[in-house]
Amino acid sequence: MKHILNRLINQESISSEEAKQVLVNISKGDYNQSQIASFLTVYMMRSVTIEELQGFRDALLELCLHVNLDAYNGIDLCGTGGDGKDTFNISTLASFVTAGAGVNVTKHGNYGVSSACGSSNVMEHLGIKFTADIDFLKRSLDEAGICVLHAPLFHPAMKNVAPIRKDLAVKTFFNMLGPMVNPAFPKNQMVGVFNLELLRMYSYLYQNTDKNYTIIHALDGYDEISLTGPAKVIRNASETIINPEYFGVETLNQHDIYGGESVEDAAKIFTQVLNGQGTEAQNNVVCANAAMAIATVTKKSVEDSFELAKEALLSGRAREKFETLVKISSS
């Protein structure tokens, strides 16, 4: 590690294979906490290269506990986090709306590190069980159309990193990796990223896979469709800029999608939206993100997918999917 750190501190980059080996060595406990923290800190002060990100990704995919859910043709809706915007749990709500629209979801998530409430925080608070048991995950998909893959259960190799990330409490390159290392290896993915540089890197890495993907960055900094302005969207065969008008809705203000300062605040908003008591702004931003996911899998137009998402939310079908998952968790 000393040799690697010296090179990185001197503004050198490391190869994909070297990056992969560092994470493998971390998983084996070869480095102390100070060395790991120093390694993470380097990447807070300079950009990660595509080769480094690829190596980190390959290591985590190789080390994870793989679950085969291919038969469900699910999609993962997952953002990198790290945008510093403190929105409510938009992609998590959009996941239940997507399931309510009849599209299976294999949701990868984790506790918040740089935000007040990650997807796992709010779901756990509201009674959803986390497990790596394949029968439970399949039952969840069969009955609720969605299962939750809580990252720490599937990436035990990263147990040496988790407390350091928590102590640092700022985004690290692990934020960049989260959406790319879903242990179900879903063939469909809608990913939100926190800057344009990462959008390009994801695009490069995803085009060399067999994934059916949509990658999103809101140009005012959000790692999702925020409806606060235009967003860049890259799909398998297209690259576009979309605006709120694309969905037939008005532009939102940042405070319209604020998520509060605690898990309790986030859970309250989450429940209100699912129960049909969300504001128009909250409903629209959730359905816009669900629409992008629905369109990714079904190939329907985004406009039609937005209507399907609104129907799934306002009819209560999204809430039913959530309640079913909670019921399965308690049985």
Protein backbone atom coordinates (compact mmCIF):
# COMPACT_ATOMS: atom_id res chain seq x y z
CA MET A 1 0.00 0.00 0.00
CA LYS A 2 2.86 2.40 0.76
CA HIS A 3 4.06 2.19 -2.86
CA ILE A 4 0.52 2.76 -4.20
CA LEU A 5 -0.07 5.72 -1.88
CA ASN A 6 3.22 7.36 -2.87
CA ARG A 7 2.30 7.08 -6.53
CA LEU A 8 -1.18 8.48 -5.98
CA ILE A 9 0.11 11.36 -3.85
CA ASN A 10 2.49 12.19 -6.72
CA GLN A 11 -0.54 12.57 -9.02
CA GLU A 12 0.00 9.24 -10.76
CA SER A 13 -2.89 6.92 -11.52
CA ILE A 14 -2.95 3.17 -11.07
CA SER A 15 -4.00 0.49 -13.54
CA SER A 16 -7.33 -1.31 -13.53
CA GLU A 17 -5.65 -4.46 -12.23
CA GLU A 18 -3.84 -2.57 -9.46
CA ALA A 19 -7.08 -0.87 -8.39
CA LYS A 20 -8.81 -4.25 -8.30
CA GLN A 21 -6.01 -5.76 -6.22
CA VAL A 22 -6.17 -2.94 -3.65
CA LEU A 23 -9.83 -3.69 -2.93
CA VAL A 24 -9.14 -7.42 -2.80
CA ASN A 25 -6.36 -6.74 -0.29
CA ILE A 26 -8.66 -4.48 1.75
CA SER A 27 -11.19 -7.31 1.89
CA LYS A 28 -8.49 -9.67 3.19
CA GLY A 29 -7.58 -7.24 5.97
CA ASP A 30 -4.10 -6.58 4.59
CA TYR A 31 -4.19 -2.82 5.38
CA ASN A 32 -4.79 -0.89 8.58
CA GLN A 33 -7.49 1.75 8.97
CA SER A 34 -5.10 4.66 8.49
CA GLN A 35 -3.91 3.25 5.18
CA ILE A 36 -7.48 2.70 3.97
CA ALA A 37 -8.53 6.19 5.06
CA SER A 38 -5.53 7.67 3.24
CA PHE A 39 -6.41 5.73 0.11
CA LEU A 40 -10.00 7.01 0.19
CA THR A 41 -8.82 10.56 0.89
CA VAL A 42 -6.63 10.67 -2.24
CA TYR A 43 -9.75 10.27 -4.37
CA MET A 44 -11.48 13.12 -2.59
CA MET A 45 -8.76 15.42 -3.89
CA ARG A 46 -8.46 14.15 -7.44
CA SER A 47 -10.70 12.43 -9.95
CA VAL A 48 -10.76 8.67 -10.28
CA THR A 49 -9.83 7.44 -13.77
CA ILE A 50 -12.00 5.12 -15.85
CA GLU A 51 -9.39 2.37 -15.45
CA GLU A 52 -9.36 2.76 -11.66
CA LEU A 53 -13.16 2.80 -11.43
CA GLN A 54 -13.34 -0.30 -13.62
CA GLY A 55 -10.86 -2.10 -11.38
CA PHE A 56 -12.77 -1.16 -8.22
CA ARG A 57 -16.03 -2.32 -9.84
CA ASP A 58 -14.56 -5.62 -11.00
CA ALA A 59 -13.20 -6.34 -7.52
CA LEU A 60 -16.53 -5.77 -5.79
CA LEU A 61 -18.43 -7.85 -8.36
CA GLU A 62 -15.94 -10.67 -8.00
CA LEU A 63 -16.07 -10.56 -4.19
CA CYS A 64 -19.85 -10.14 -3.75
CA LEU A 65 -22.38 -12.84 -2.89
CA HIS A 66 -24.12 -13.27 -6.24
CA VAL A 67 -27.87 -14.01 -6.31
CA ASN A 68 -29.46 -15.26 -9.52
CA LEU A 69 -32.72 -13.42 -10.16
CA ASP A 70 -32.40 -13.36 -13.95
CA ALA A 71 -35.81 -14.97 -14.48
CA TYR A 72 -37.52 -11.81 -13.17
CA ASN A 73 -35.91 -9.43 -15.70
CA GLY A 74 -35.76 -6.79 -12.97
CA ILE A 75 -34.44 -3.26 -12.99
CA ASP A 76 -32.42 -1.49 -10.33
CA LEU A 77 -33.19 2.17 -9.63
CA CYS A 78 -30.19 3.46 -7.77
CA GLY A 79 -28.34 6.74 -7.49
CA THR A 80 -24.74 7.26 -6.51
CA GLY A 81 -25.69 9.66 -3.74
CA GLY A 82 -23.11 12.24 -2.88
CA ASP A 83 -24.90 15.12 -4.58
CA GLY A 84 -25.30 17.03 -1.30
CA LYS A 85 -28.90 17.95 -2.11
CA ASP A 86 -30.69 16.21 0.79
CA THR A 87 -33.73 15.22 -1.23
CA PHE A 88 -36.34 12.80 0.08
CA ASN A 89 -35.94 9.16 -0.98
CA ILE A 90 -37.03 9.69 -4.57
CA SER A 91 -35.48 6.64 -6.23
CA THR A 92 -36.70 4.32 -3.46
CA LEU A 93 -40.27 5.59 -3.85
CA ALA A 94 -39.89 5.39 -7.62
CA SER A 95 -38.91 1.73 -7.18
CA PHE A 96 -42.26 0.92 -5.57
CA VAL A 97 -44.10 2.94 -8.21
CA THR A 98 -42.24 1.00 -10.91
CA ALA A 99 -43.24 -2.28 -9.25
CA GLY A 100 -46.80 -0.96 -9.05
CA ALA A 101 -46.70 -0.45 -12.80
CA GLY A 102 -45.89 -4.12 -13.30
CA VAL A 103 -42.11 -3.92 -13.79
CA ASN A 104 -40.03 -6.07 -11.44
CA VAL A 105 -37.42 -4.25 -9.35
CA THR A 106 -34.23 -5.64 -7.80
CA LYS A 107 -33.38 -2.68 -5.59
CA HIS A 108 -29.79 -2.32 -4.42
CA GLY A 109 -29.41 0.04 -1.46
CA ASN A 110 -27.44 1.01 1.59
CA TYR A 111 -27.51 3.23 4.64
CA GLY A 112 -26.82 6.91 4.06
CA VAL A 113 -23.20 7.97 4.40
CA SER A 114 -23.14 11.56 3.14
CA SER A 115 -26.90 12.11 3.49
CA ALA A 116 -29.32 12.09 6.41
CA CYS A 117 -31.24 9.06 5.20
CA GLY A 118 -30.26 6.45 2.63
CA SER A 119 -32.70 4.02 1.04
CA SER A 120 -31.91 1.29 3.56
CA ASN A 121 -32.47 3.67 6.49
CA VAL A 122 -35.99 4.56 5.43
CA MET A 123 -37.00 1.04 4.42
CA GLU A 124 -35.68 -0.50 7.64
CA HIS A 125 -37.43 2.20 9.68
CA LEU A 126 -40.72 1.33 7.96
CA GLY A 127 -40.45 -2.41 8.61
CA ILE A 128 -38.74 -3.94 5.59
CA LYS A 129 -36.47 -6.87 6.38
CA PHE A 130 -32.98 -7.19 4.90
CA THR A 131 -31.71 -10.66 4.10
CA ALA A 132 -29.54 -12.49 1.60
CA ASP A 133 -31.85 -15.52 1.63
CA ILE A 134 -32.65 -16.32 -2.01
CA ASP A 135 -36.05 -17.85 -1.22
CA PHE A 136 -37.12 -14.67 0.60
CA LEU A 137 -35.93 -12.50 -2.29
CA LYS A 138 -37.80 -14.61 -4.84
CA ARG A 139 -40.95 -14.58 -2.71
CA SER A 140 -40.66 -10.78 -2.49
CA LEU A 141 -40.50 -10.54 -6.27
CA ASP A 142 -43.32 -13.07 -6.77
CA GLU A 143 -45.70 -11.31 -4.38
CA ALA A 144 -44.58 -7.67 -4.32
CA GLY A 145 -42.74 -7.30 -7.63
CA ILE A 146 -39.71 -5.92 -5.76
CA CYS A 147 -36.92 -7.19 -3.56
CA VAL A 148 -34.34 -5.26 -1.57
CA LEU A 149 -30.65 -6.13 -1.79
CA HIS A 150 -29.09 -4.40 1.22
CA ALA A 151 -25.47 -3.86 0.16
CA PRO A 152 -23.62 -4.86 3.38
CA LEU A 153 -25.21 -8.33 3.27
CA PHE A 154 -23.88 -8.99 -0.22
CA HIS A 155 -20.52 -7.25 0.03
CA PRO A 156 -18.99 -8.70 3.20
CA ALA A 157 -15.56 -7.92 1.76
CA MET A 158 -16.19 -4.24 2.49
CA LYS A 159 -16.69 -4.64 6.23
CA ASN A 160 -13.24 -3.10 6.77
CA VAL A 161 -14.26 0.02 4.86
CA ALA A 162 -17.75 0.64 6.26
CA PRO A 163 -16.72 2.17 9.63
CA ILE A 164 -14.16 4.42 7.92
CA ARG A 165 -16.75 5.68 5.43
CA LYS A 166 -19.12 6.32 8.31
CA ASP A 167 -16.49 8.26 10.26
CA LEU A 168 -15.49 10.32 7.21
CA ALA A 169 -19.18 11.07 6.47
CA VAL A 170 -18.40 12.49 3.02
CA LYS A 171 -18.70 10.98 -0.42
CA THR A 172 -15.87 8.68 -1.53
CA PHE A 173 -15.34 6.67 -4.70
CA PHE A 174 -17.57 4.02 -3.11
CA ASN A 175 -20.50 6.34 -3.87
CA MET A 176 -19.53 6.00 -7.51
CA LEU A 177 -19.50 2.21 -7.27
CA GLY A 178 -22.81 1.47 -5.53
CA PRO A 179 -25.07 1.28 -8.59
CA MET A 180 -22.54 -0.78 -10.55
CA VAL A 181 -22.21 -3.61 -8.05
CA ASN A 182 -25.77 -4.91 -7.61
CA PRO A 183 -25.25 -8.58 -6.59
CA ALA A 184 -28.16 -9.71 -8.79
CA PHE A 185 -26.31 -8.41 -11.88
CA PRO A 186 -29.59 -6.99 -13.30
CA LYS A 187 -29.80 -6.67 -17.07
CA ASN A 188 -31.80 -3.43 -16.70
CA GLN A 189 -30.58 -0.40 -14.79
CA MET A 190 -31.52 3.22 -14.24
CA VAL A 191 -28.62 5.06 -12.61
CA GLY A 192 -28.36 8.61 -11.31
CA VAL A 193 -24.90 10.15 -10.94
CA PHE A 194 -23.71 13.31 -9.18
CA ASN A 195 -21.68 14.99 -11.94
CA LEU A 196 -21.13 15.07 -15.70
CA GLU A 197 -17.68 13.51 -15.49
CA LEU A 198 -19.11 10.45 -13.78
CA LEU A 199 -21.97 10.36 -16.32
CA ARG A 200 -19.38 9.98 -19.08
CA MET A 201 -17.46 7.32 -17.15
CA TYR A 202 -20.60 5.30 -16.48
CA SER A 203 -21.56 5.59 -20.13
CA TYR A 204 -18.18 4.24 -21.20
CA LEU A 205 -18.25 1.34 -18.74
CA TYR A 206 -21.89 0.42 -19.40
CA GLN A 207 -21.57 0.42 -23.17
CA ASN A 208 -19.10 -2.45 -22.76
CA THR A 209 -21.70 -4.59 -20.96
CA ASP A 210 -24.90 -6.31 -22.06
CA LYS A 211 -26.98 -4.04 -19.81
CA ASN A 212 -30.09 -2.19 -20.91
CA TYR A 213 -29.45 1.17 -19.22
CA THR A 214 -30.45 4.75 -18.60
CA ILE A 215 -27.90 7.05 -16.91
CA ILE A 216 -29.05 10.41 -15.56
CA HIS A 217 -27.50 13.60 -14.22
CA ALA A 218 -29.54 16.72 -13.51
CA LEU A 219 -27.44 19.63 -14.75
CA ASP A 220 -27.96 21.55 -11.51
CA GLY A 221 -26.28 18.75 -9.58
CA TYR A 222 -28.83 16.07 -8.65
CA ASP A 223 -28.18 12.35 -9.09
CA GLU A 224 -31.71 11.81 -10.40
CA ILE A 225 -34.43 13.50 -12.42
CA SER A 226 -35.12 16.44 -10.10
CA LEU A 227 -37.51 18.50 -12.29
CA THR A 228 -35.64 21.57 -11.03
CA GLY A 229 -34.16 22.08 -14.49
CA PRO A 230 -32.72 20.16 -17.44
CA ALA A 231 -31.10 16.75 -17.07
CA LYS A 232 -28.67 14.85 -19.27
CA VAL A 233 -29.84 11.33 -20.11
CA ILE A 234 -27.70 8.68 -21.79
CA ARG A 235 -29.27 5.42 -22.93
CA ASN A 236 -27.93 2.51 -24.97
CA ALA A 237 -28.49 4.22 -28.30
CA SER A 238 -29.24 7.86 -27.48
CA GLU A 239 -28.05 10.93 -25.60
CA THR A 240 -30.52 13.71 -24.82
CA ILE A 241 -31.30 16.68 -22.61
CA ILE A 242 -34.74 16.54 -21.03
CA ASN A 243 -36.66 19.28 -19.21
CA PRO A 244 -39.68 19.21 -16.87
CA GLU A 245 -41.82 20.10 -19.91
CA TYR A 246 -40.84 16.69 -21.29
CA PHE A 247 -43.15 15.21 -18.65
CA GLY A 248 -45.75 17.94 -19.04
CA VAL A 249 -45.08 19.36 -15.55
CA GLU A 250 -43.79 22.62 -14.11
CA THR A 251 -40.23 23.27 -13.00
CA LEU A 252 -39.71 22.68 -9.27
CA ASN A 253 -37.74 24.56 -6.65
CA GLN A 254 -35.13 22.80 -4.53
CA HIS A 255 -37.24 23.13 -1.37
CA ASP A 256 -40.08 21.22 -3.09
CA ILE A 257 -38.07 17.99 -2.92
CA TYR A 258 -36.24 18.49 0.38
CA GLY A 259 -36.12 15.36 2.52
CA GLY A 260 -35.74 16.71 6.04
CA GLU A 261 -32.96 16.24 8.56
CA SER A 262 -33.63 12.78 9.99
CA VAL A 263 -34.80 9.28 9.17
CA GLU A 264 -38.11 10.13 10.82
CA ASP A 265 -38.59 13.13 8.52
CA ALA A 266 -37.75 11.02 5.48
CA ALA A 267 -40.08 8.19 6.58
CA LYS A 268 -42.95 10.66 7.05
CA ILE A 269 -42.57 12.02 3.52
CA PHE A 270 -42.16 8.49 2.16
CA THR A 271 -45.40 7.36 3.77
CA GLN A 272 -47.33 10.45 2.73
CA VAL A 273 -46.35 10.07 -0.91
CA LEU A 274 -47.20 6.34 -0.97
CA ASN A 275 -50.56 7.05 0.69
CA GLY A 276 -51.48 9.56 -2.00
CA GLN A 277 -50.97 12.50 0.33
CA GLY A 278 -47.78 13.83 -1.27
CA THR A 279 -47.60 17.26 -2.82
CA GLU A 280 -47.95 17.59 -6.57
CA ALA A 281 -44.22 18.33 -6.75
CA GLN A 282 -43.32 15.20 -4.76
CA ASN A 283 -45.63 13.01 -6.85
CA ASN A 284 -44.29 14.39 -10.11
CA VAL A 285 -40.62 13.92 -9.28
CA VAL A 286 -41.21 10.33 -8.09
CA CYS A 287 -43.24 9.48 -11.18
CA ALA A 288 -40.72 11.10 -13.52
CA ASN A 289 -37.98 8.82 -12.18
CA ALA A 290 -40.26 5.78 -12.24
CA ALA A 291 -41.17 6.65 -15.83
CA MET A 292 -37.53 6.54 -16.89
CA ALA A 293 -37.22 3.08 -15.32
CA ILE A 294 -40.44 1.79 -16.87
CA ALA A 295 -39.38 3.09 -20.28
CA THR A 296 -35.95 1.47 -19.91
CA VAL A 297 -37.46 -2.00 -19.49
CA THR A 298 -40.63 -1.81 -21.60
CA LYS A 299 -39.35 0.47 -24.41
CA LYS A 300 -42.56 2.49 -24.11
CA SER A 301 -42.27 6.24 -24.59
CA VAL A 302 -41.33 8.28 -21.53
CA GLU A 303 -44.64 10.17 -21.86
CA ASP A 304 -46.67 6.93 -21.74
CA SER A 305 -44.47 5.59 -18.94
CA PHE A 306 -45.07 8.75 -16.91
CA GLU A 307 -48.83 8.17 -17.14
CA LEU A 308 -48.35 4.54 -16.08
CA ALA A 309 -46.29 5.70 -13.10
CA LYS A 310 -48.88 8.28 -12.04
CA GLU A 311 -51.62 5.66 -12.27
CA ALA A 312 -49.57 3.18 -10.19
CA LEU A 313 -49.01 5.80 -7.48
CA LEU A 314 -52.43 7.44 -7.35
CA SER A 315 -54.38 4.17 -7.63
CA GLY A 316 -52.61 2.82 -4.55
CA ARG A 317 -50.87 -0.04 -6.37
CA ALA A 318 -47.44 1.26 -5.36
CA ARG A 319 -48.58 1.38 -1.73
CA GLU A 320 -49.90 -2.19 -2.05
CA LYS A 321 -46.48 -3.38 -3.24
CA PHE A 322 -44.83 -1.70 -0.28
CA GLU A 323 -47.36 -3.10 2.22
CA THR A 324 -46.92 -6.59 0.75
CA LEU A 325 -43.15 -6.37 1.19
CA VAL A 326 -43.58 -5.23 4.81
CA LYS A 327 -46.00 -8.12 5.41
CA ILE A 328 -43.55 -10.65 3.95
CA SER A 329 -40.82 -9.15 6.14
CA SER A 330 -42.83 -9.73 9.30
CA SER A 331 -43.90 -13.28 8.50
